[in-house]
């Protein structure tokens, strides 16, 4: 997130090197950034006109790392447990963070860093506890993606020209008509015209 990273990006682009996407890391071991800071960061890096991939996101469900730690690797504790209060906080923050990222047109990919607690730096940053049991953050993220954002089976009617229009996330859709089924893949943002002969 540093100015040095921006200088590197600018230097690479000025040298004519092709860049496919910008990767940003968001290990929030010292606390959730919040929507305002996250949007400011996204706006800062979107000025390059490149897709943004949040390649590493972590939100902890235990005590927060002290704010005076500069390098996360310097925080060494023998035990860093998840707490009930921390798990509720993490669930709330993960939904807020994913909603914020998805709201920005430059964000193309999000990767959560570590499925289970205790992985990277021993942090309780996973979506499941060390024993494999689901944390509230897992349930909250699953409900967001497979609930709020998931396109349920939907019946649509064609227009006079036999076309159907819909808005959806990138990915695969199954289209059924006249007893036949076809798979349609949307793999780039913007409008797409897909011809399906059923």
C-alpha atoms as a PDB file:
ATOM      1  CA  UNK A   1       0.000   0.000   0.000  1.00  0.00           C
ATOM      2  CA  UNK A   2       3.073   2.217   0.170  1.00  0.00           C
ATOM      3  CA  UNK A   3       4.113   5.104  -2.043  1.00  0.00           C
ATOM      4  CA  UNK A   4       7.148   2.967  -2.965  1.00  0.00           C
ATOM      5  CA  UNK A   5       4.788   0.417  -4.542  1.00  0.00           C
ATOM      6  CA  UNK A   6       3.174   3.206  -6.560  1.00  0.00           C
ATOM      7  CA  UNK A   7       6.637   4.324  -7.761  1.00  0.00           C
ATOM      8  CA  UNK A   8       7.401   0.739  -8.786  1.00  0.00           C
ATOM      9  CA  UNK A   9       4.124   0.471 -10.721  1.00  0.00           C
ATOM     10  CA  UNK A  10       4.735   3.786 -12.462  1.00  0.00           C
ATOM     11  CA  UNK A  11       8.312   2.827 -13.358  1.00  0.00           C
ATOM     12  CA  UNK A  12       7.245  -0.535 -14.772  1.00  0.00           C
ATOM     13  CA  UNK A  13       4.446   1.045 -16.822  1.00  0.00           C
ATOM     14  CA  UNK A  14       6.719   3.830 -18.087  1.00  0.00           C
ATOM     15  CA  UNK A  15       9.212   1.171 -19.200  1.00  0.00           C
ATOM     16  CA  UNK A  16       6.477  -0.330 -21.365  1.00  0.00           C
ATOM     17  CA  UNK A  17       6.195  -3.555 -19.392  1.00  0.00           C
ATOM     18  CA  UNK A  18       2.727  -5.069 -19.671  1.00  0.00           C
ATOM     19  CA  UNK A  19       0.927  -5.414 -16.358  1.00  0.00           C
ATOM     20  CA  UNK A  20      -2.194  -7.597 -16.217  1.00  0.00           C
ATOM     21  CA  UNK A  21      -3.374  -6.687 -12.712  1.00  0.00           C
ATOM     22  CA  UNK A  22      -2.261  -5.055  -9.479  1.00  0.00           C
ATOM     23  CA  UNK A  23      -2.066  -7.248  -6.384  1.00  0.00           C
ATOM     24  CA  UNK A  24      -2.807  -5.655  -3.023  1.00  0.00           C
ATOM     25  CA  UNK A  25      -2.405  -7.289   0.383  1.00  0.00           C
ATOM     26  CA  UNK A  26      -4.646  -6.461   3.320  1.00  0.00           C
ATOM     27  CA  UNK A  27      -3.498  -8.327   6.420  1.00  0.00           C
ATOM     28  CA  UNK A  28      -5.502  -6.437   9.029  1.00  0.00           C
ATOM     29  CA  UNK A  29      -3.944  -7.952  12.145  1.00  0.00           C
ATOM     30  CA  UNK A  30      -4.012  -4.526  13.813  1.00  0.00           C
ATOM     31  CA  UNK A  31      -7.689  -3.955  13.095  1.00  0.00           C
ATOM     32  CA  UNK A  32     -10.157  -3.544  10.267  1.00  0.00           C
ATOM     33  CA  UNK A  33      -9.364  -0.630   7.972  1.00  0.00           C
ATOM     34  CA  UNK A  34     -12.987   0.334   7.530  1.00  0.00           C
ATOM     35  CA  UNK A  35     -14.873   1.219   4.372  1.00  0.00           C
ATOM     36  CA  UNK A  36     -13.502   4.742   3.975  1.00  0.00           C
ATOM     37  CA  UNK A  37      -9.824   3.725   4.065  1.00  0.00           C
ATOM     38  CA  UNK A  38     -10.437   0.701   1.827  1.00  0.00           C
ATOM     39  CA  UNK A  39     -12.228   2.821  -0.801  1.00  0.00           C
ATOM     40  CA  UNK A  40      -9.468   5.445  -0.641  1.00  0.00           C
ATOM     41  CA  UNK A  41      -6.858   2.743  -1.300  1.00  0.00           C
ATOM     42  CA  UNK A  42      -8.909   1.340  -4.173  1.00  0.00           C
ATOM     43  CA  UNK A  43      -9.284   4.794  -5.711  1.00  0.00           C
ATOM     44  CA  UNK A  44      -5.543   5.422  -5.312  1.00  0.00           C
ATOM     45  CA  UNK A  45      -4.586   2.272  -7.208  1.00  0.00           C
ATOM     46  CA  UNK A  46      -7.418   2.321  -9.740  1.00  0.00           C
ATOM     47  CA  UNK A  47      -5.906   5.393 -11.386  1.00  0.00           C
ATOM     48  CA  UNK A  48      -3.621   3.021 -13.313  1.00  0.00           C
ATOM     49  CA  UNK A  49      -6.626   1.595 -15.155  1.00  0.00           C
ATOM     50  CA  UNK A  50      -5.682  -1.981 -14.246  1.00  0.00           C
ATOM     51  CA  UNK A  51      -7.769  -4.675 -12.552  1.00  0.00           C
ATOM     52  CA  UNK A  52      -7.116  -4.892  -8.813  1.00  0.00           C
ATOM     53  CA  UNK A  53      -6.717  -8.267  -7.128  1.00  0.00           C
ATOM     54  CA  UNK A  54      -6.890  -8.340  -3.343  1.00  0.00           C
ATOM     55  CA  UNK A  55      -4.467 -11.260  -3.205  1.00  0.00           C
ATOM     56  CA  UNK A  56      -4.250 -11.572   0.567  1.00  0.00           C
ATOM     57  CA  UNK A  57      -6.936 -10.529   3.055  1.00  0.00           C
ATOM     58  CA  UNK A  58      -6.841 -11.416   6.737  1.00  0.00           C
ATOM     59  CA  UNK A  59      -9.076 -10.257   9.595  1.00  0.00           C
ATOM     60  CA  UNK A  60      -8.316 -11.642  13.052  1.00  0.00           C
ATOM     61  CA  UNK A  61     -10.833 -13.081  15.499  1.00  0.00           C
ATOM     62  CA  UNK A  62      -8.706 -12.675  18.608  1.00  0.00           C
ATOM     63  CA  UNK A  63      -6.823  -9.843  20.253  1.00  0.00           C
ATOM     64  CA  UNK A  64      -5.521  -7.302  17.774  1.00  0.00           C
ATOM     65  CA  UNK A  65      -1.801  -6.942  17.193  1.00  0.00           C
ATOM     66  CA  UNK A  66      -0.388  -3.865  18.986  1.00  0.00           C
ATOM     67  CA  UNK A  67      -0.433  -0.734  16.763  1.00  0.00           C
ATOM     68  CA  UNK A  68       3.266   0.039  17.308  1.00  0.00           C
ATOM     69  CA  UNK A  69       4.339  -3.102  15.405  1.00  0.00           C
ATOM     70  CA  UNK A  70       5.520  -2.020  11.945  1.00  0.00           C
ATOM     71  CA  UNK A  71       6.361  -5.398  10.386  1.00  0.00           C
ATOM     72  CA  UNK A  72       3.705  -8.022  11.112  1.00  0.00           C
ATOM     73  CA  UNK A  73       6.431 -10.684  11.152  1.00  0.00           C
ATOM     74  CA  UNK A  74       7.893  -9.038  14.283  1.00  0.00           C
ATOM     75  CA  UNK A  75       4.868  -9.973  16.392  1.00  0.00           C
ATOM     76  CA  UNK A  76       5.809 -13.283  17.971  1.00  0.00           C
ATOM     77  CA  UNK A  77       3.527 -14.768  20.630  1.00  0.00           C
ATOM     78  CA  UNK A  78       3.371 -18.330  21.902  1.00  0.00           C
ATOM     79  CA  UNK A  79      -0.429 -18.472  21.726  1.00  0.00           C
ATOM     80  CA  UNK A  80      -2.894 -16.269  19.850  1.00  0.00           C
ATOM     81  CA  UNK A  81      -6.378 -17.646  20.439  1.00  0.00           C
ATOM     82  CA  UNK A  82      -9.669 -16.762  18.830  1.00  0.00           C
ATOM     83  CA  UNK A  83     -12.224 -15.274  21.243  1.00  0.00           C
ATOM     84  CA  UNK A  84     -16.040 -15.236  21.101  1.00  0.00           C
ATOM     85  CA  UNK A  85     -16.051 -11.411  20.901  1.00  0.00           C
ATOM     86  CA  UNK A  86     -13.318 -11.469  18.272  1.00  0.00           C
ATOM     87  CA  UNK A  87     -15.208 -14.035  16.193  1.00  0.00           C
ATOM     88  CA  UNK A  88     -18.318 -11.830  16.121  1.00  0.00           C
ATOM     89  CA  UNK A  89     -16.179  -8.830  15.186  1.00  0.00           C
ATOM     90  CA  UNK A  90     -14.443 -10.798  12.418  1.00  0.00           C
ATOM     91  CA  UNK A  91     -17.794 -11.946  10.966  1.00  0.00           C
ATOM     92  CA  UNK A  92     -19.083  -8.376  10.814  1.00  0.00           C
ATOM     93  CA  UNK A  93     -15.847  -7.024   9.357  1.00  0.00           C
ATOM     94  CA  UNK A  94     -15.502  -9.707   6.674  1.00  0.00           C
ATOM     95  CA  UNK A  95     -18.975  -8.928   5.312  1.00  0.00           C
ATOM     96  CA  UNK A  96     -18.270  -5.189   5.365  1.00  0.00           C
ATOM     97  CA  UNK A  97     -14.877  -5.705   3.692  1.00  0.00           C
ATOM     98  CA  UNK A  98     -16.192  -7.960   0.919  1.00  0.00           C
ATOM     99  CA  UNK A  99     -19.144  -5.624   0.247  1.00  0.00           C
ATOM    100  CA  UNK A 100     -16.730  -2.681  -0.007  1.00  0.00           C
ATOM    101  CA  UNK A 101     -14.375  -4.520  -2.361  1.00  0.00           C
ATOM    102  CA  UNK A 102     -17.214  -5.719  -4.569  1.00  0.00           C
ATOM    103  CA  UNK A 103     -18.655  -2.200  -4.770  1.00  0.00           C
ATOM    104  CA  UNK A 104     -15.545  -0.905  -6.549  1.00  0.00           C
ATOM    105  CA  UNK A 105     -15.402  -1.402 -10.332  1.00  0.00           C
ATOM    106  CA  UNK A 106     -11.623  -1.999 -10.365  1.00  0.00           C
ATOM    107  CA  UNK A 107     -11.687  -5.018  -8.054  1.00  0.00           C
ATOM    108  CA  UNK A 108     -11.609  -8.212 -10.085  1.00  0.00           C
ATOM    109  CA  UNK A 109     -10.526 -10.831  -7.537  1.00  0.00           C
ATOM    110  CA  UNK A 110     -10.449 -11.382  -3.768  1.00  0.00           C
ATOM    111  CA  UNK A 111      -8.435 -14.067  -1.997  1.00  0.00           C
ATOM    112  CA  UNK A 112      -8.889 -14.713   1.707  1.00  0.00           C
ATOM    113  CA  UNK A 113      -5.541 -15.688   3.240  1.00  0.00           C
ATOM    114  CA  UNK A 114      -5.747 -18.846   5.327  1.00  0.00           C
ATOM    115  CA  UNK A 115      -8.813 -20.983   5.844  1.00  0.00           C
ATOM    116  CA  UNK A 116      -7.857 -22.156   9.369  1.00  0.00           C
ATOM    117  CA  UNK A 117      -6.662 -20.314  12.462  1.00  0.00           C
ATOM    118  CA  UNK A 118      -3.017 -20.461  13.430  1.00  0.00           C
ATOM    119  CA  UNK A 119      -1.529 -20.585   9.936  1.00  0.00           C
ATOM    120  CA  UNK A 120       0.333 -17.457   8.932  1.00  0.00           C
ATOM    121  CA  UNK A 121       2.097 -15.892  11.943  1.00  0.00           C
ATOM    122  CA  UNK A 122      -0.045 -18.014  14.272  1.00  0.00           C
ATOM    123  CA  UNK A 123      -2.878 -15.515  13.863  1.00  0.00           C
ATOM    124  CA  UNK A 124      -6.521 -16.423  14.482  1.00  0.00           C
ATOM    125  CA  UNK A 125      -7.350 -15.152  11.017  1.00  0.00           C
ATOM    126  CA  UNK A 126      -9.041 -18.181   9.492  1.00  0.00           C
ATOM    127  CA  UNK A 127     -12.658 -18.791   8.631  1.00  0.00           C
ATOM    128  CA  UNK A 128     -12.522 -22.000  10.682  1.00  0.00           C
ATOM    129  CA  UNK A 129     -10.969 -22.678  14.077  1.00  0.00           C
ATOM    130  CA  UNK A 130      -7.812 -24.756  14.446  1.00  0.00           C
ATOM    131  CA  UNK A 131     -10.002 -27.784  15.235  1.00  0.00           C
ATOM    132  CA  UNK A 132     -11.844 -27.385  11.920  1.00  0.00           C
ATOM    133  CA  UNK A 133     -15.111 -26.067  13.365  1.00  0.00           C
ATOM    134  CA  UNK A 134     -16.781 -23.235  11.486  1.00  0.00           C
ATOM    135  CA  UNK A 135     -16.486 -19.701  12.814  1.00  0.00           C
ATOM    136  CA  UNK A 136     -19.210 -17.044  12.438  1.00  0.00           C
ATOM    137  CA  UNK A 137     -17.078 -15.443   9.697  1.00  0.00           C
ATOM    138  CA  UNK A 138     -17.383 -18.590   7.558  1.00  0.00           C
ATOM    139  CA  UNK A 139     -21.156 -18.597   7.930  1.00  0.00           C
ATOM    140  CA  UNK A 140     -21.389 -14.837   7.290  1.00  0.00           C
ATOM    141  CA  UNK A 141     -19.255 -14.992   4.132  1.00  0.00           C
ATOM    142  CA  UNK A 142     -21.075 -18.083   2.875  1.00  0.00           C
ATOM    143  CA  UNK A 143     -24.443 -16.356   3.430  1.00  0.00           C
ATOM    144  CA  UNK A 144     -23.224 -13.281   1.586  1.00  0.00           C
ATOM    145  CA  UNK A 145     -21.883 -15.138  -1.459  1.00  0.00           C
ATOM    146  CA  UNK A 146     -24.341 -18.035  -1.731  1.00  0.00           C
ATOM    147  CA  UNK A 147     -27.279 -16.023  -0.363  1.00  0.00           C
ATOM    148  CA  UNK A 148     -27.298 -12.304  -1.103  1.00  0.00           C
ATOM    149  CA  UNK A 149     -25.121 -12.442  -4.207  1.00  0.00           C
ATOM    150  CA  UNK A 150     -26.081 -15.820  -5.665  1.00  0.00           C
ATOM    151  CA  UNK A 151     -28.417 -15.773  -8.646  1.00  0.00           C
ATOM    152  CA  UNK A 152     -31.154 -18.247  -7.854  1.00  0.00           C
ATOM    153  CA  UNK A 153     -32.921 -20.091 -10.677  1.00  0.00           C
ATOM    154  CA  UNK A 154     -34.819 -17.359 -12.482  1.00  0.00           C
ATOM    155  CA  UNK A 155     -37.438 -17.518 -15.207  1.00  0.00           C
ATOM    156  CA  UNK A 156     -37.040 -14.891 -17.911  1.00  0.00           C
ATOM    157  CA  UNK A 157     -38.944 -14.190 -21.117  1.00  0.00           C
ATOM    158  CA  UNK A 158     -37.365 -13.342 -24.417  1.00  0.00           C
ATOM    159  CA  UNK A 159     -38.129 -10.074 -26.157  1.00  0.00           C
ATOM    160  CA  UNK A 160     -39.615  -9.848 -29.664  1.00  0.00           C
ATOM    161  CA  UNK A 161     -36.192 -10.693 -31.144  1.00  0.00           C
ATOM    162  CA  UNK A 162     -35.759 -13.789 -28.977  1.00  0.00           C
ATOM    163  CA  UNK A 163     -33.234 -12.111 -26.626  1.00  0.00           C
ATOM    164  CA  UNK A 164     -32.975 -12.190 -22.858  1.00  0.00           C
ATOM    165  CA  UNK A 165     -31.087  -9.552 -20.865  1.00  0.00           C
ATOM    166  CA  UNK A 166     -29.854  -9.975 -17.306  1.00  0.00           C
ATOM    167  CA  UNK A 167     -27.206  -8.605 -14.961  1.00  0.00           C
ATOM    168  CA  UNK A 168     -24.957 -10.974 -13.083  1.00  0.00           C
ATOM    169  CA  UNK A 169     -21.500 -11.618 -11.744  1.00  0.00           C
ATOM    170  CA  UNK A 170     -18.766 -13.051 -13.941  1.00  0.00           C
ATOM    171  CA  UNK A 171     -18.917 -16.818 -14.046  1.00  0.00           C
ATOM    172  CA  UNK A 172     -20.968 -19.641 -15.499  1.00  0.00           C
ATOM    173  CA  UNK A 173     -24.724 -19.660 -15.993  1.00  0.00           C
ATOM    174  CA  UNK A 174     -26.937 -22.482 -17.122  1.00  0.00           C
ATOM    175  CA  UNK A 175     -29.671 -21.577 -19.597  1.00  0.00           C
ATOM    176  CA  UNK A 176     -32.591 -23.902 -20.271  1.00  0.00           C
ATOM    177  CA  UNK A 177     -35.244 -23.533 -22.970  1.00  0.00           C
ATOM    178  CA  UNK A 178     -37.397 -25.893 -24.976  1.00  0.00           C
ATOM    179  CA  UNK A 179     -36.129 -28.875 -22.965  1.00  0.00           C
ATOM    180  CA  UNK A 180     -32.453 -28.195 -23.762  1.00  0.00           C
ATOM    181  CA  UNK A 181     -29.708 -26.725 -21.580  1.00  0.00           C
ATOM    182  CA  UNK A 182     -26.580 -24.753 -22.453  1.00  0.00           C
ATOM    183  CA  UNK A 183     -23.812 -23.289 -20.277  1.00  0.00           C
ATOM    184  CA  UNK A 184     -22.912 -19.633 -20.760  1.00  0.00           C
ATOM    185  CA  UNK A 185     -19.697 -18.176 -19.376  1.00  0.00           C
ATOM    186  CA  UNK A 186     -19.343 -14.461 -18.694  1.00  0.00           C
ATOM    187  CA  UNK A 187     -15.628 -13.843 -18.345  1.00  0.00           C
ATOM    188  CA  UNK A 188     -15.225 -10.083 -18.731  1.00  0.00           C
ATOM    189  CA  UNK A 189     -16.973  -7.023 -17.332  1.00  0.00           C
ATOM    190  CA  UNK A 190     -19.387  -5.050 -19.474  1.00  0.00           C
ATOM    191  CA  UNK A 191     -22.083  -6.030 -21.856  1.00  0.00           C
ATOM    192  CA  UNK A 192     -21.814  -9.309 -23.676  1.00  0.00           C
ATOM    193  CA  UNK A 193     -23.934 -10.731 -26.450  1.00  0.00           C
ATOM    194  CA  UNK A 194     -24.094 -14.499 -26.432  1.00  0.00           C
ATOM    195  CA  UNK A 195     -25.797 -16.439 -29.153  1.00  0.00           C
ATOM    196  CA  UNK A 196     -27.282 -19.706 -27.952  1.00  0.00           C
ATOM    197  CA  UNK A 197     -29.073 -22.002 -30.318  1.00  0.00           C
ATOM    198  CA  UNK A 198     -31.235 -24.340 -28.321  1.00  0.00           C
END
